[in-house]
């Protein structure tokens, strides 16, 4: 069974959380076991992260950059990779974000995760302006499904 982590940050309006739950739904429907972690309430332990086969990252756009809780994970990941890369590579990943009108986080978000050399990016980066509508939520479900199907093939 595919183990998928949906690691996201959501607090004020819950738009990113709604997207995260849709990603998880798509992945579960494709047969994955999914763990949802909101960095606003929990810090991810890197050793725990190693157990997952794939990961999807979600963030609101905060002044053209990712949320601080997600950035803490990126910093922890960087330090852990210097010590022991085992379980930190070859993980397919996906990305989604929400914004209130700027939407400027896409480029640094995509670049940051490319630079981490985590694995192959699957699917397109899903974007929501404000509250995600049914079309955006369906794109999120498809992203979750794509990640699982990629691992099964």
N, C-alpha and C. Protein backbone atom coordinates (compact mmCIF):
# COMPACT_ATOMS: atom_id res chain seq x y z
N UNK A 1 0.84 -1.18 0.00
CA UNK A 1 0.00 0.00 0.00
C UNK A 1 0.89 1.25 0.00
N UNK A 2 0.49 2.22 -0.79
CA UNK A 2 1.21 3.49 -0.89
C UNK A 2 0.92 4.33 0.35
N UNK A 3 1.98 4.84 0.96
CA UNK A 3 1.85 5.75 2.10
C UNK A 3 2.11 7.17 1.62
N UNK A 4 1.11 8.01 1.71
CA UNK A 4 1.20 9.39 1.21
C UNK A 4 1.05 10.37 2.36
N UNK A 5 1.93 11.36 2.39
CA UNK A 5 1.84 12.46 3.34
C UNK A 5 1.33 13.69 2.62
N UNK A 6 0.32 14.32 3.18
CA UNK A 6 -0.13 15.63 2.70
C UNK A 6 0.28 16.62 3.78
N UNK A 7 1.31 17.37 3.49
CA UNK A 7 1.90 18.31 4.43
C UNK A 7 1.54 19.72 3.98
N UNK A 8 0.80 20.44 4.81
CA UNK A 8 0.28 21.74 4.39
C UNK A 8 0.23 22.68 5.58
N UNK A 9 -0.01 23.95 5.27
CA UNK A 9 -0.21 24.95 6.31
C UNK A 9 -1.54 25.64 6.04
N UNK A 10 -2.36 25.71 7.06
CA UNK A 10 -3.65 26.39 6.92
C UNK A 10 -4.06 26.92 8.27
N UNK A 11 -4.54 28.16 8.30
CA UNK A 11 -5.02 28.68 9.58
C UNK A 11 -6.18 29.64 9.43
N UNK A 12 -6.04 30.72 8.75
CA UNK A 12 -7.04 31.78 8.84
C UNK A 12 -8.38 31.43 8.20
N UNK A 13 -8.40 31.05 6.94
CA UNK A 13 -9.66 30.82 6.25
C UNK A 13 -9.94 29.35 5.95
N UNK A 14 -8.93 28.50 6.02
CA UNK A 14 -9.13 27.08 5.76
C UNK A 14 -9.14 26.70 4.29
N UNK A 15 -8.75 27.62 3.41
CA UNK A 15 -8.76 27.32 1.98
C UNK A 15 -7.73 26.26 1.63
N UNK A 16 -6.53 26.38 2.19
CA UNK A 16 -5.49 25.40 1.91
C UNK A 16 -5.86 24.05 2.52
N UNK A 17 -6.49 24.05 3.67
CA UNK A 17 -6.92 22.80 4.29
C UNK A 17 -7.98 22.09 3.44
N UNK A 18 -8.90 22.85 2.87
CA UNK A 18 -9.91 22.23 1.99
C UNK A 18 -9.24 21.56 0.81
N UNK A 19 -8.21 22.19 0.27
CA UNK A 19 -7.45 21.60 -0.84
C UNK A 19 -6.72 20.34 -0.38
N UNK A 20 -6.12 20.40 0.81
CA UNK A 20 -5.39 19.24 1.34
C UNK A 20 -6.32 18.05 1.51
N UNK A 21 -7.51 18.30 2.02
CA UNK A 21 -8.46 17.21 2.22
C UNK A 21 -8.92 16.62 0.89
N UNK A 22 -9.02 17.44 -0.14
CA UNK A 22 -9.39 16.93 -1.47
C UNK A 22 -8.26 16.08 -2.05
N UNK A 23 -7.01 16.50 -1.87
CA UNK A 23 -5.87 15.69 -2.32
C UNK A 23 -5.91 14.34 -1.62
N UNK A 24 -6.13 14.36 -0.32
CA UNK A 24 -6.18 13.12 0.47
C UNK A 24 -7.32 12.22 -0.01
N UNK A 25 -8.45 12.80 -0.32
CA UNK A 25 -9.59 12.03 -0.81
C UNK A 25 -9.25 11.31 -2.12
N UNK A 26 -8.63 12.03 -3.04
CA UNK A 26 -8.24 11.42 -4.32
C UNK A 26 -7.25 10.29 -4.13
N UNK A 27 -6.29 10.49 -3.23
CA UNK A 27 -5.27 9.47 -2.97
C UNK A 27 -5.90 8.24 -2.30
N UNK A 28 -6.79 8.46 -1.36
CA UNK A 28 -7.47 7.34 -0.69
C UNK A 28 -8.30 6.55 -1.68
N UNK A 29 -9.00 7.25 -2.57
CA UNK A 29 -9.81 6.57 -3.59
C UNK A 29 -8.95 5.73 -4.53
N UNK A 30 -7.68 6.11 -4.67
CA UNK A 30 -6.75 5.36 -5.52
C UNK A 30 -6.06 4.24 -4.74
N UNK A 31 -6.37 4.12 -3.44
CA UNK A 31 -5.85 3.01 -2.65
C UNK A 31 -4.71 3.33 -1.70
N UNK A 32 -4.42 4.59 -1.47
CA UNK A 32 -3.32 4.96 -0.57
C UNK A 32 -3.79 5.10 0.87
N UNK A 33 -2.84 4.94 1.77
CA UNK A 33 -3.05 5.32 3.17
C UNK A 33 -2.48 6.72 3.30
N UNK A 34 -3.30 7.66 3.76
CA UNK A 34 -2.93 9.08 3.75
C UNK A 34 -2.83 9.62 5.16
N UNK A 35 -1.79 10.40 5.39
CA UNK A 35 -1.61 11.14 6.63
C UNK A 35 -1.64 12.63 6.29
N UNK A 36 -2.53 13.36 6.94
CA UNK A 36 -2.62 14.81 6.77
C UNK A 36 -1.95 15.48 7.97
N UNK A 37 -1.03 16.40 7.69
CA UNK A 37 -0.40 17.16 8.78
C UNK A 37 -0.43 18.64 8.43
N UNK A 38 -1.02 19.43 9.33
CA UNK A 38 -1.06 20.87 9.19
C UNK A 38 0.09 21.45 10.01
N UNK A 39 1.03 22.12 9.34
CA UNK A 39 2.20 22.65 10.05
C UNK A 39 1.83 23.78 11.01
N UNK A 40 0.59 24.25 10.95
CA UNK A 40 0.16 25.26 11.92
C UNK A 40 -0.05 24.64 13.30
N UNK A 41 -0.25 23.32 13.34
CA UNK A 41 -0.52 22.66 14.61
C UNK A 41 0.51 21.59 14.98
N UNK A 42 1.35 21.18 14.02
CA UNK A 42 2.30 20.11 14.31
C UNK A 42 3.55 20.25 13.44
N UNK A 43 4.67 19.98 14.04
CA UNK A 43 5.94 19.96 13.33
C UNK A 43 6.22 18.52 12.90
N UNK A 44 6.68 18.34 11.69
CA UNK A 44 6.95 17.01 11.15
C UNK A 44 8.34 16.55 11.54
N UNK A 45 8.40 15.37 12.11
CA UNK A 45 9.67 14.75 12.44
C UNK A 45 10.25 14.14 11.16
N UNK A 46 11.50 14.44 10.86
CA UNK A 46 12.11 13.95 9.62
C UNK A 46 12.17 12.43 9.60
N UNK A 47 12.41 11.80 10.72
CA UNK A 47 12.42 10.34 10.72
C UNK A 47 11.04 9.78 10.38
N UNK A 48 9.99 10.44 10.82
CA UNK A 48 8.63 10.05 10.45
C UNK A 48 8.43 10.25 8.95
N UNK A 49 8.97 11.34 8.43
CA UNK A 49 8.83 11.66 7.01
C UNK A 49 9.42 10.56 6.12
N UNK A 50 10.50 9.95 6.56
CA UNK A 50 11.19 8.93 5.77
C UNK A 50 10.29 7.75 5.40
N UNK A 51 9.28 7.47 6.21
CA UNK A 51 8.42 6.30 5.98
C UNK A 51 7.46 6.46 4.81
N UNK A 52 7.21 7.69 4.37
CA UNK A 52 6.24 7.92 3.31
C UNK A 52 6.84 7.66 1.93
N UNK A 53 5.98 7.17 1.03
CA UNK A 53 6.40 6.89 -0.35
C UNK A 53 6.34 8.13 -1.21
N UNK A 54 5.45 9.05 -0.88
CA UNK A 54 5.25 10.27 -1.66
C UNK A 54 4.70 11.34 -0.73
N UNK A 55 4.75 12.58 -1.21
CA UNK A 55 4.29 13.70 -0.38
C UNK A 55 3.68 14.78 -1.28
N UNK A 56 2.67 15.44 -0.74
CA UNK A 56 2.09 16.60 -1.40
C UNK A 56 2.20 17.77 -0.43
N UNK A 57 2.72 18.88 -0.92
CA UNK A 57 2.93 20.07 -0.10
C UNK A 57 1.90 21.14 -0.48
N UNK A 58 1.32 21.78 0.53
CA UNK A 58 0.36 22.85 0.28
C UNK A 58 0.63 24.03 1.18
N UNK A 59 0.46 25.23 0.61
CA UNK A 59 0.72 26.44 1.38
C UNK A 59 -0.16 27.58 0.91
N UNK A 60 -0.51 28.48 1.81
CA UNK A 60 -1.06 29.75 1.36
C UNK A 60 0.09 30.61 0.85
N UNK A 61 -0.24 31.59 0.07
CA UNK A 61 0.73 32.57 -0.43
C UNK A 61 0.84 33.67 0.62
N UNK A 62 1.98 33.70 1.32
CA UNK A 62 2.23 34.75 2.29
C UNK A 62 3.30 35.68 1.73
N UNK A 63 2.88 36.80 1.18
CA UNK A 63 3.79 37.80 0.64
C UNK A 63 4.72 37.20 -0.42
N UNK A 64 4.17 36.32 -1.24
CA UNK A 64 4.96 35.72 -2.33
C UNK A 64 5.86 34.59 -1.88
N UNK A 65 5.61 34.03 -0.70
CA UNK A 65 6.43 32.92 -0.22
C UNK A 65 5.56 31.94 0.55
N UNK A 66 6.11 30.77 0.85
CA UNK A 66 5.37 29.75 1.58
C UNK A 66 5.23 30.11 3.05
N UNK A 67 4.30 29.45 3.72
CA UNK A 67 4.07 29.66 5.15
C UNK A 67 5.28 29.21 5.97
N UNK A 68 5.50 29.87 7.08
CA UNK A 68 6.65 29.60 7.95
C UNK A 68 6.73 28.16 8.44
N UNK A 69 5.60 27.55 8.78
CA UNK A 69 5.60 26.17 9.26
C UNK A 69 6.13 25.20 8.21
N UNK A 70 5.79 25.44 6.96
CA UNK A 70 6.30 24.60 5.88
C UNK A 70 7.78 24.86 5.65
N UNK A 71 8.19 26.11 5.80
CA UNK A 71 9.61 26.45 5.65
C UNK A 71 10.44 25.79 6.74
N UNK A 72 9.90 25.65 7.93
CA UNK A 72 10.62 24.94 9.00
C UNK A 72 10.88 23.51 8.58
N UNK A 73 9.89 22.86 7.96
CA UNK A 73 10.10 21.50 7.45
C UNK A 73 11.24 21.48 6.43
N UNK A 74 11.24 22.44 5.51
CA UNK A 74 12.28 22.50 4.48
C UNK A 74 13.66 22.63 5.14
N UNK A 75 13.77 23.46 6.16
CA UNK A 75 15.04 23.63 6.86
C UNK A 75 15.45 22.33 7.56
N UNK A 76 14.51 21.67 8.23
CA UNK A 76 14.81 20.39 8.89
C UNK A 76 15.25 19.35 7.87
N UNK A 77 14.60 19.34 6.72
CA UNK A 77 14.92 18.40 5.64
C UNK A 77 16.36 18.63 5.16
N UNK A 78 16.71 19.89 4.96
CA UNK A 78 18.06 20.25 4.50
C UNK A 78 19.13 19.73 5.47
N UNK A 79 18.92 19.96 6.74
CA UNK A 79 19.90 19.52 7.75
C UNK A 79 19.97 18.00 7.79
N UNK A 80 18.83 17.33 7.77
CA UNK A 80 18.80 15.86 7.83
C UNK A 80 19.49 15.24 6.61
N UNK A 81 19.31 15.82 5.44
CA UNK A 81 19.94 15.28 4.22
C UNK A 81 21.46 15.32 4.31
N UNK A 82 22.00 16.31 4.97
CA UNK A 82 23.46 16.41 5.10
C UNK A 82 24.00 15.26 5.95
N UNK A 83 23.19 14.75 6.86
CA UNK A 83 23.60 13.68 7.77
C UNK A 83 23.30 12.30 7.19
N UNK A 84 22.08 12.13 6.66
CA UNK A 84 21.66 10.82 6.19
C UNK A 84 20.56 10.98 5.15
N UNK A 85 20.87 10.70 3.90
CA UNK A 85 19.91 10.86 2.81
C UNK A 85 18.89 9.74 2.72
N UNK A 86 19.14 8.62 3.38
CA UNK A 86 18.27 7.46 3.26
C UNK A 86 16.82 7.82 3.60
N UNK A 87 15.93 7.49 2.67
CA UNK A 87 14.52 7.75 2.87
C UNK A 87 14.09 9.18 2.57
N UNK A 88 15.02 10.00 2.09
CA UNK A 88 14.71 11.39 1.78
C UNK A 88 14.78 11.69 0.29
N UNK A 89 15.03 10.67 -0.51
CA UNK A 89 15.15 10.86 -1.96
C UNK A 89 14.16 9.95 -2.68
N UNK A 90 14.01 10.23 -3.96
CA UNK A 90 13.16 9.43 -4.85
C UNK A 90 11.71 9.35 -4.38
N UNK A 91 11.23 10.44 -3.81
CA UNK A 91 9.83 10.52 -3.40
C UNK A 91 9.10 11.42 -4.40
N UNK A 92 8.16 10.87 -5.14
CA UNK A 92 7.35 11.74 -5.99
C UNK A 92 6.61 12.75 -5.10
N UNK A 93 6.38 13.94 -5.64
CA UNK A 93 5.70 14.96 -4.85
C UNK A 93 4.78 15.79 -5.73
N UNK A 94 3.83 16.44 -5.09
CA UNK A 94 2.93 17.37 -5.76
C UNK A 94 2.83 18.64 -4.95
N UNK A 95 2.29 19.68 -5.58
CA UNK A 95 2.20 20.99 -4.94
C UNK A 95 0.82 21.62 -5.16
N UNK A 96 0.35 22.34 -4.15
CA UNK A 96 -0.86 23.15 -4.29
C UNK A 96 -0.75 24.36 -3.38
N UNK A 97 -1.45 25.43 -3.76
CA UNK A 97 -1.43 26.63 -2.92
C UNK A 97 -2.70 27.44 -3.12
N UNK A 98 -2.94 28.28 -2.14
CA UNK A 98 -4.07 29.21 -2.21
C UNK A 98 -3.55 30.62 -1.99
N UNK A 99 -4.31 31.58 -2.49
CA UNK A 99 -3.90 32.98 -2.32
C UNK A 99 -5.12 33.88 -2.34
N UNK A 100 -4.91 35.08 -1.86
CA UNK A 100 -6.00 36.05 -1.80
C UNK A 100 -5.92 37.12 -2.86
N UNK A 101 -5.18 36.86 -3.92
CA UNK A 101 -5.11 37.83 -5.01
C UNK A 101 -3.71 38.01 -5.56
N UNK A 102 -2.70 37.62 -4.79
CA UNK A 102 -1.33 37.77 -5.28
C UNK A 102 -0.93 36.62 -6.19
N UNK A 103 -0.92 35.43 -5.63
CA UNK A 103 -0.53 34.26 -6.41
C UNK A 103 0.93 34.26 -6.82
N UNK A 104 1.74 35.05 -6.13
CA UNK A 104 3.15 35.17 -6.50
C UNK A 104 4.03 34.07 -5.91
N UNK A 105 3.46 33.15 -5.16
CA UNK A 105 4.24 32.10 -4.52
C UNK A 105 4.60 30.97 -5.49
N UNK A 106 3.90 30.85 -6.60
CA UNK A 106 4.11 29.71 -7.50
C UNK A 106 5.58 29.50 -7.86
N UNK A 107 6.23 30.52 -8.36
CA UNK A 107 7.62 30.36 -8.82
C UNK A 107 8.57 29.97 -7.68
N UNK A 108 8.59 30.69 -6.54
CA UNK A 108 9.50 30.26 -5.47
C UNK A 108 9.12 28.90 -4.87
N UNK A 109 7.83 28.59 -4.82
CA UNK A 109 7.33 27.31 -4.30
C UNK A 109 7.87 26.17 -5.16
N UNK A 110 7.67 26.27 -6.46
CA UNK A 110 8.14 25.23 -7.38
C UNK A 110 9.67 25.13 -7.37
N UNK A 111 10.33 26.27 -7.36
CA UNK A 111 11.80 26.28 -7.37
C UNK A 111 12.36 25.65 -6.09
N UNK A 112 11.79 25.99 -4.96
CA UNK A 112 12.27 25.47 -3.69
C UNK A 112 12.24 23.94 -3.68
N UNK A 113 11.14 23.36 -4.10
CA UNK A 113 11.03 21.90 -4.05
C UNK A 113 11.84 21.22 -5.15
N UNK A 114 12.08 21.89 -6.27
CA UNK A 114 13.03 21.36 -7.27
C UNK A 114 14.43 21.32 -6.68
N UNK A 115 14.81 22.38 -5.98
CA UNK A 115 16.14 22.47 -5.39
C UNK A 115 16.37 21.43 -4.30
N UNK A 116 15.30 20.99 -3.64
CA UNK A 116 15.43 20.00 -2.57
C UNK A 116 15.82 18.63 -3.13
N UNK A 117 15.59 18.43 -4.44
CA UNK A 117 15.92 17.15 -5.09
C UNK A 117 15.27 15.98 -4.35
N UNK A 118 14.03 16.19 -4.01
CA UNK A 118 13.25 15.18 -3.30
C UNK A 118 12.92 14.00 -4.20
N UNK A 119 12.53 14.30 -5.42
CA UNK A 119 12.13 13.29 -6.39
C UNK A 119 11.46 13.99 -7.56
N UNK A 120 10.61 13.27 -8.27
CA UNK A 120 9.93 13.82 -9.45
C UNK A 120 8.63 14.51 -9.05
N UNK A 121 8.42 15.68 -9.62
CA UNK A 121 7.16 16.38 -9.42
C UNK A 121 6.11 15.72 -10.30
N UNK A 122 4.96 15.42 -9.71
CA UNK A 122 3.87 14.78 -10.43
C UNK A 122 2.73 15.79 -10.58
N UNK A 123 2.18 15.85 -11.76
CA UNK A 123 1.04 16.72 -12.02
C UNK A 123 1.40 18.19 -12.02
N UNK A 124 0.38 18.98 -12.25
CA UNK A 124 0.58 20.43 -12.24
C UNK A 124 0.40 20.97 -10.83
N UNK A 125 0.96 22.12 -10.58
CA UNK A 125 0.75 22.81 -9.31
C UNK A 125 -0.66 23.38 -9.32
N UNK A 126 -1.46 22.99 -8.34
CA UNK A 126 -2.85 23.44 -8.28
C UNK A 126 -2.93 24.74 -7.51
N UNK A 127 -3.63 25.72 -8.08
CA UNK A 127 -3.75 27.06 -7.50
C UNK A 127 -5.21 27.39 -7.24
N UNK A 128 -5.47 28.01 -6.10
CA UNK A 128 -6.81 28.48 -5.81
C UNK A 128 -6.76 29.94 -5.37
N UNK A 129 -7.55 30.75 -6.03
CA UNK A 129 -7.73 32.12 -5.60
C UNK A 129 -8.89 32.13 -4.60
N UNK A 130 -8.56 32.32 -3.34
CA UNK A 130 -9.58 32.31 -2.30
C UNK A 130 -10.13 30.92 -2.04
N UNK A 131 -11.39 30.87 -1.71
CA UNK A 131 -12.06 29.61 -1.38
C UNK A 131 -12.07 28.70 -2.62
N UNK A 132 -11.50 27.49 -2.52
CA UNK A 132 -11.45 26.63 -3.70
C UNK A 132 -12.84 26.18 -4.14
N UNK A 133 -13.12 26.37 -5.43
CA UNK A 133 -14.41 25.95 -5.97
C UNK A 133 -14.36 24.46 -6.32
N UNK A 134 -15.46 23.94 -6.82
CA UNK A 134 -15.55 22.50 -7.11
C UNK A 134 -14.53 22.07 -8.16
N UNK A 135 -14.23 22.92 -9.12
CA UNK A 135 -13.24 22.59 -10.15
C UNK A 135 -11.84 22.46 -9.54
N UNK A 136 -11.48 23.37 -8.68
CA UNK A 136 -10.17 23.33 -8.01
C UNK A 136 -10.07 22.10 -7.11
N UNK A 137 -11.13 21.82 -6.37
CA UNK A 137 -11.12 20.64 -5.49
C UNK A 137 -10.99 19.36 -6.31
N UNK A 138 -11.59 19.32 -7.48
CA UNK A 138 -11.45 18.15 -8.35
C UNK A 138 -10.00 18.04 -8.85
N UNK A 139 -9.37 19.16 -9.17
CA UNK A 139 -7.95 19.14 -9.57
C UNK A 139 -7.10 18.59 -8.43
N UNK A 140 -7.43 18.94 -7.21
CA UNK A 140 -6.70 18.43 -6.04
C UNK A 140 -6.89 16.92 -5.90
N UNK A 141 -8.13 16.45 -6.05
CA UNK A 141 -8.37 15.00 -5.99
C UNK A 141 -7.58 14.28 -7.07
N UNK A 142 -7.54 14.85 -8.27
CA UNK A 142 -6.78 14.26 -9.37
C UNK A 142 -5.29 14.22 -9.06
N UNK A 143 -4.77 15.26 -8.40
CA UNK A 143 -3.37 15.28 -8.02
C UNK A 143 -3.06 14.13 -7.06
N UNK A 144 -3.90 13.93 -6.06
CA UNK A 144 -3.71 12.82 -5.12
C UNK A 144 -3.74 11.49 -5.84
N UNK A 145 -4.67 11.34 -6.75
CA UNK A 145 -4.80 10.09 -7.51
C UNK A 145 -3.58 9.87 -8.40
N UNK A 146 -3.11 10.92 -9.08
CA UNK A 146 -1.94 10.81 -9.96
C UNK A 146 -0.71 10.33 -9.19
N UNK A 147 -0.50 10.87 -8.01
CA UNK A 147 0.66 10.47 -7.22
C UNK A 147 0.63 8.98 -6.88
N UNK A 148 -0.54 8.52 -6.48
CA UNK A 148 -0.68 7.11 -6.12
C UNK A 148 -0.50 6.22 -7.34
N UNK A 149 -1.14 6.58 -8.45
CA UNK A 149 -1.02 5.79 -9.67
C UNK A 149 0.41 5.75 -10.18
N UNK A 150 1.12 6.86 -10.01
CA UNK A 150 2.53 6.92 -10.42
C UNK A 150 3.36 5.90 -9.65
N UNK A 151 3.08 5.73 -8.38
CA UNK A 151 3.83 4.78 -7.56
C UNK A 151 3.44 3.35 -7.84
N UNK A 152 2.21 3.13 -8.25
CA UNK A 152 1.75 1.78 -8.52
C UNK A 152 2.28 1.24 -9.86
N UNK A 153 2.62 2.15 -10.78
CA UNK A 153 3.07 1.70 -12.11
C UNK A 153 4.54 1.37 -12.17
